[in-house]
Protein backbone atom coordinates (compact mmCIF):
# COMPACT_ATOMS: atom_id res chain seq x y z
CA MET A 1 90.70 21.12 -20.91
CA VAL A 2 90.00 19.54 -24.29
CA THR A 3 89.30 15.84 -24.28
CA ARG A 4 89.63 13.53 -27.23
CA SER A 5 87.51 10.53 -27.96
CA THR A 6 89.31 7.24 -27.57
CA THR A 7 86.82 5.38 -29.75
CA ARG A 8 88.41 4.30 -33.03
CA ALA A 9 86.86 2.77 -36.08
CA ALA A 10 87.48 -0.92 -36.47
CA ARG A 11 90.40 -1.73 -38.74
CA LEU A 12 89.55 -3.87 -41.75
CA ASP A 13 91.41 -7.15 -41.58
CA ALA A 14 92.87 -7.84 -45.03
CA MET A 15 92.78 -11.63 -44.73
CA CYS A 16 89.13 -11.71 -43.66
CA ALA A 17 88.23 -9.15 -46.32
CA LYS A 18 89.61 -11.42 -49.04
CA ALA A 19 87.53 -14.39 -47.84
CA VAL A 20 84.64 -13.63 -50.24
CA ASP A 21 84.54 -17.17 -51.63
CA GLU A 22 84.50 -18.72 -48.15
CA ALA A 23 81.64 -16.43 -47.09
CA HIS A 24 79.68 -17.16 -50.29
CA ALA A 25 80.15 -20.93 -49.88
CA ALA A 26 78.86 -20.82 -46.32
CA LEU A 27 75.86 -18.74 -47.41
CA VAL A 28 74.73 -20.96 -50.30
CA ALA A 29 75.08 -23.96 -47.99
CA ALA A 30 72.56 -22.42 -45.61
CA VAL A 31 70.03 -20.88 -48.03
CA ASP A 32 68.78 -21.43 -51.58
CA PRO A 33 71.62 -20.44 -53.96
CA ALA A 34 69.06 -18.78 -56.25
CA GLU A 35 68.33 -16.29 -53.47
CA VAL A 36 71.95 -15.10 -53.25
CA GLY A 37 73.10 -12.26 -55.50
CA GLU A 38 76.37 -10.50 -56.03
CA HIS A 39 78.82 -9.43 -53.36
CA LEU A 40 78.08 -5.86 -52.27
CA GLN A 41 80.55 -4.72 -49.61
CA VAL A 42 82.79 -5.61 -46.69
CA VAL A 43 82.26 -4.10 -43.23
CA ALA A 44 84.82 -4.17 -40.43
CA GLU A 45 83.05 -5.17 -37.20
CA GLY A 46 86.05 -5.43 -34.88
CA GLU A 47 89.58 -6.76 -34.61
CA ARG A 48 89.89 -9.57 -37.19
CA LEU A 49 86.10 -9.58 -37.49
CA VAL A 50 84.56 -8.79 -40.91
CA THR A 51 81.05 -9.04 -42.38
CA HIS A 52 80.50 -9.70 -46.08
CA MET A 53 77.26 -8.35 -47.60
CA PHE A 54 75.55 -10.17 -50.48
CA GLU A 55 72.49 -9.11 -52.45
CA CYS A 56 69.28 -10.88 -51.43
CA LEU A 57 67.16 -12.14 -54.34
CA MET A 58 64.45 -13.69 -52.19
CA SER A 59 60.94 -12.65 -53.20
CA GLY A 60 59.41 -10.06 -50.88
CA TYR A 61 62.73 -8.87 -49.46
CA GLN A 62 63.60 -6.00 -51.76
CA GLY A 63 66.60 -4.05 -50.47
CA TRP A 64 67.63 -6.71 -47.94
CA ARG A 65 71.10 -8.20 -47.70
CA TRP A 66 72.66 -11.48 -46.69
CA ALA A 67 75.32 -10.86 -44.05
CA VAL A 68 78.09 -13.40 -43.45
CA THR A 69 80.47 -12.63 -40.58
CA VAL A 70 83.93 -14.21 -40.64
CA THR A 71 86.91 -14.06 -38.31
CA ARG A 72 90.33 -15.58 -37.66
CA VAL A 73 92.56 -16.05 -34.65
CA ALA A 74 95.75 -14.06 -34.25
CA ARG A 75 98.68 -15.12 -36.52
CA SER A 76 96.42 -17.59 -38.33
CA ARG A 77 95.64 -17.53 -42.04
CA ARG A 78 92.53 -19.68 -41.67
CA VAL A 79 89.22 -17.82 -41.82
CA THR A 80 86.14 -19.28 -40.13
CA VAL A 81 82.46 -18.33 -40.48
CA CYS A 82 80.72 -17.01 -37.36
CA GLU A 83 77.10 -16.52 -38.50
CA THR A 84 74.84 -15.93 -41.48
CA VAL A 85 71.86 -13.60 -41.16
CA LEU A 86 69.47 -11.57 -43.29
CA LEU A 87 69.60 -7.83 -42.61
CA PRO A 88 67.71 -4.84 -44.05
CA GLY A 89 69.64 -2.46 -46.25
CA PRO A 90 69.20 1.32 -46.49
CA ASP A 91 66.36 0.95 -49.03
CA ALA A 92 64.77 -2.19 -47.58
CA LEU A 93 61.03 -2.57 -47.33
CA LEU A 94 60.23 -2.90 -43.63
CA ALA A 95 57.04 -3.68 -41.79
CA PRO A 96 55.70 -0.81 -39.68
CA GLY A 97 56.76 -0.78 -36.05
CA TRP A 98 54.59 -2.65 -33.59
CA LEU A 99 52.12 -0.55 -31.64
CA PRO A 100 49.96 -1.58 -28.66
CA TRP A 101 46.31 -1.99 -29.54
CA GLN A 102 45.28 1.14 -27.64
CA ASP A 103 47.68 3.18 -29.80
CA ARG A 104 46.41 1.66 -33.05
CA LEU A 105 42.78 2.58 -32.47
CA GLN A 106 41.36 5.50 -34.40
CA PRO A 107 38.15 7.46 -33.82
CA GLY A 108 35.26 5.55 -35.35
CA ASP A 109 36.88 2.09 -35.07
CA LEU A 110 34.51 0.95 -32.32
CA GLY A 111 31.62 -0.96 -33.82
CA VAL A 112 28.37 -2.46 -32.56
CA GLY A 113 29.08 -5.10 -29.90
CA ASP A 114 32.77 -4.15 -29.52
CA LEU A 115 34.29 -3.58 -26.07
CA LEU A 116 36.98 -0.97 -25.52
CA PRO A 117 38.45 -1.28 -22.01
CA THR A 118 40.24 1.79 -20.65
CA SER A 119 43.59 1.32 -18.94
CA SER A 120 43.86 2.07 -15.23
CA ASP A 121 46.56 4.71 -15.84
CA ASP A 122 44.74 6.61 -18.60
CA ASP A 123 45.81 10.28 -18.31
CA ARG A 124 42.39 11.40 -19.49
CA LEU A 125 40.72 10.06 -16.33
CA ALA A 126 41.10 10.71 -12.62
CA PRO A 127 39.57 8.92 -9.61
CA GLY A 128 36.13 10.26 -8.77
CA TYR A 129 36.99 10.82 -5.10
CA LEU A 130 39.68 13.39 -5.97
CA GLN A 131 38.71 17.03 -5.74
CA SER A 132 38.20 18.42 -9.22
CA ASP A 133 38.55 21.94 -10.56
CA ASP A 134 35.31 21.47 -12.49
CA PRO A 135 32.16 22.35 -10.48
CA ALA A 136 30.02 20.09 -12.65
CA VAL A 137 32.21 17.13 -11.69
CA GLU A 138 31.97 17.98 -8.02
CA GLU A 139 28.17 18.01 -8.20
CA VAL A 140 28.06 14.32 -9.13
CA CYS A 141 31.00 13.15 -7.02
CA TRP A 142 30.45 15.00 -3.77
CA GLU A 143 29.60 11.86 -1.80
CA LEU A 144 32.08 8.99 -1.84
CA GLY A 145 30.58 5.79 -3.20
CA LEU A 146 27.61 7.39 -4.96
CA GLY A 147 29.40 9.15 -7.80
CA ARG A 148 31.29 7.80 -10.77
CA SER A 149 34.45 5.84 -10.02
CA ARG A 150 36.45 7.93 -12.50
CA VAL A 151 35.91 11.31 -14.14
CA MET A 152 37.75 13.25 -16.83
CA SER A 153 40.96 14.84 -15.68
CA ARG A 154 42.10 18.33 -16.66
CA GLU A 155 44.33 16.80 -19.35
CA GLY A 156 41.39 14.80 -20.69
CA ARG A 157 39.14 17.84 -20.91
CA ALA A 158 41.86 19.91 -22.55
CA ASP A 159 42.51 17.23 -25.18
CA THR A 160 38.80 16.90 -25.87
CA ALA A 161 38.31 20.65 -26.22
CA GLN A 162 41.23 20.96 -28.63
CA ARG A 163 40.03 18.01 -30.72
CA TRP A 164 36.52 19.43 -30.99
CA TYR A 165 37.76 22.92 -31.78
CA ASP A 166 40.09 21.72 -34.55
CA GLY A 167 37.52 19.32 -36.02
CA GLU A 168 34.46 19.59 -38.24
CA HIS A 169 32.44 21.38 -35.55
CA GLY A 170 34.87 24.23 -34.88
CA PRO A 171 35.24 27.68 -36.44
CA GLU A 172 37.45 26.51 -39.32
CA ALA A 173 35.00 23.91 -40.65
CA PRO A 174 33.98 24.60 -44.29
CA ILE A 175 30.31 25.09 -43.36
CA SER A 176 31.30 27.57 -40.66
CA VAL A 177 33.60 29.57 -42.93
CA ALA A 178 30.88 29.80 -45.59
CA ALA A 179 28.22 30.99 -43.14
CA PRO A 180 27.52 34.71 -42.50
CA ALA A 181 29.85 36.33 -39.97
CA SER A 182 26.97 36.89 -37.52
CA ALA A 183 25.64 33.33 -37.78
CA ARG A 184 27.68 31.97 -34.88
CA CYS A 185 26.42 29.21 -32.58
CA GLY A 186 26.88 31.32 -29.44
CA SER A 187 24.10 33.66 -30.54
CA CYS A 188 21.79 30.95 -31.94
CA GLY A 189 18.57 30.07 -30.15
CA PHE A 190 19.15 26.38 -30.82
CA TYR A 191 22.51 26.40 -28.99
CA LEU A 192 22.39 24.32 -25.78
CA LEU A 193 25.18 25.13 -23.33
CA LEU A 194 27.27 22.36 -21.83
CA ALA A 195 27.84 22.10 -18.09
CA GLY A 196 31.16 22.55 -16.35
CA SER A 197 34.35 24.13 -17.62
CA LEU A 198 33.60 23.31 -21.27
CA ARG A 199 30.53 25.55 -21.03
CA GLN A 200 32.65 28.58 -21.92
CA ALA A 201 33.53 27.31 -25.38
CA PHE A 202 31.12 24.52 -26.37
CA GLY A 203 27.49 23.58 -26.54
CA VAL A 204 25.21 21.16 -28.37
CA CYS A 205 23.27 22.02 -31.51
CA GLY A 206 19.54 21.40 -31.13
CA ASN A 207 18.35 22.45 -34.59
CA VAL A 208 16.86 19.48 -36.39
CA TYR A 209 17.58 21.12 -39.75
CA ALA A 210 21.23 21.88 -39.02
CA PRO A 211 23.96 19.41 -40.10
CA ASP A 212 25.41 19.56 -36.55
CA ASP A 213 22.16 18.59 -34.80
CA GLY A 214 22.94 16.59 -31.66
CA ARG A 215 26.67 17.31 -31.85
CA ALA A 216 28.99 19.40 -29.70
CA VAL A 217 29.92 22.64 -31.50
CA SER A 218 32.18 25.51 -30.56
CA VAL A 219 30.66 28.84 -29.61
CA ASP A 220 32.22 30.44 -32.72
CA HIS A 221 31.09 27.68 -35.08
CA GLY A 222 28.36 28.62 -37.52
CA CYS A 223 26.03 27.51 -40.29
CA GLY A 224 23.19 28.76 -42.43
CA ALA A 225 20.54 27.34 -40.08
CA HIS A 226 21.16 30.04 -37.45
CA SER A 227 17.96 30.99 -35.60
CA GLU A 228 18.38 34.67 -36.50
CA ALA A 229 19.37 34.15 -40.13
CA LEU A 230 16.68 36.03 -42.12
CA ILE A 231 16.10 35.78 -45.84
CA GLY A 232 16.81 39.06 -47.58
CA SER A 233 18.62 40.58 -44.63
CA ALA A 234 21.20 43.31 -45.05
CA GLU A 235 23.98 40.74 -45.04
CA THR A 236 22.47 38.79 -47.92
CA PRO A 237 24.43 39.78 -51.04
CA VAL A 238 22.31 40.88 -53.98
CA GLU A 239 23.85 40.57 -57.42
CA GLU A 240 23.47 43.83 -59.37
CA LEU A 241 22.06 43.33 -62.90
CA PRO A 242 23.73 45.14 -65.83
CA THR A 243 21.94 48.06 -67.52
CA VAL A 244 20.16 47.10 -70.76
CA TYR A 245 19.32 49.60 -73.54
CA ASP A 246 16.51 49.00 -76.06
CA ASP A 247 17.48 50.80 -79.30
CA SER A 248 14.89 49.17 -81.55
CA GLU A 249 12.69 52.37 -81.63
CA VAL A 250 15.46 54.99 -81.96
CA GLU A 251 15.22 57.27 -85.03
CA ALA A 252 18.47 58.20 -86.72
CA VAL A 253 18.96 62.02 -86.92
CA ALA A 254 21.69 63.76 -88.95
CA VAL A 255 23.33 66.74 -87.27
CA THR A 256 25.27 69.55 -89.07
CA PRO A 257 28.47 70.98 -87.71
CA GLY A 258 26.64 74.14 -86.64
CA GLY A 259 24.15 72.24 -84.56
CA ALA A 260 21.15 72.61 -86.91
CA THR A 261 19.19 69.57 -87.82
CA GLN A 262 19.04 68.54 -91.42
CA THR A 263 15.59 67.78 -92.69
């Protein structure tokens, strides 16, 4: 069975639509007349209910419109004003939507002396008394009351691993891409493995000369400070020099067609 929508567009009331002067008079009585521009359009809101749009010339409100809604009772020719408001148009400059403070924070915003409380329902954390799938977590939380009150949840560890892997200490970092193919952190003597489930993919760089010293790096990250990177190794490209001929001591010799030398 095919159903049809019973919702119909509001019909524009002709009498209310003609009340441009009445709407303009009510608007300039409520706001500064210098902030009211030309009449833009008429919008049907409902039965005998119409809104007149006027250009807003107020400084700082580019693209906004003054809206004056008028109506009339049935079988009456008198139009009355309902309300006057300022509304944004299609091209209006709008302030960004409000965000809670925890959603506005970015990595690196926390400064010296700042406090950053964590919400009780943070998905990245789980109560410490819950059994975890990470053996390293269980080692510190095996006895109720002696371990940490909250530990990282599986979602928290997954988000952290993805952020590290996609960041400046993963395989796609410029310094890693430019390093030799064999100079990966997993085979470096300065690579310190993490504990727990992140051990499989991440460790900490302990090379004081490496740019990632003291930072968590992925096992397939790399740099030129690899412990086994040797100068002059087979992987080090050597630029081949062009052949140079010294013709300053060459004696010109004339040769006959028969191959005999002319003296």
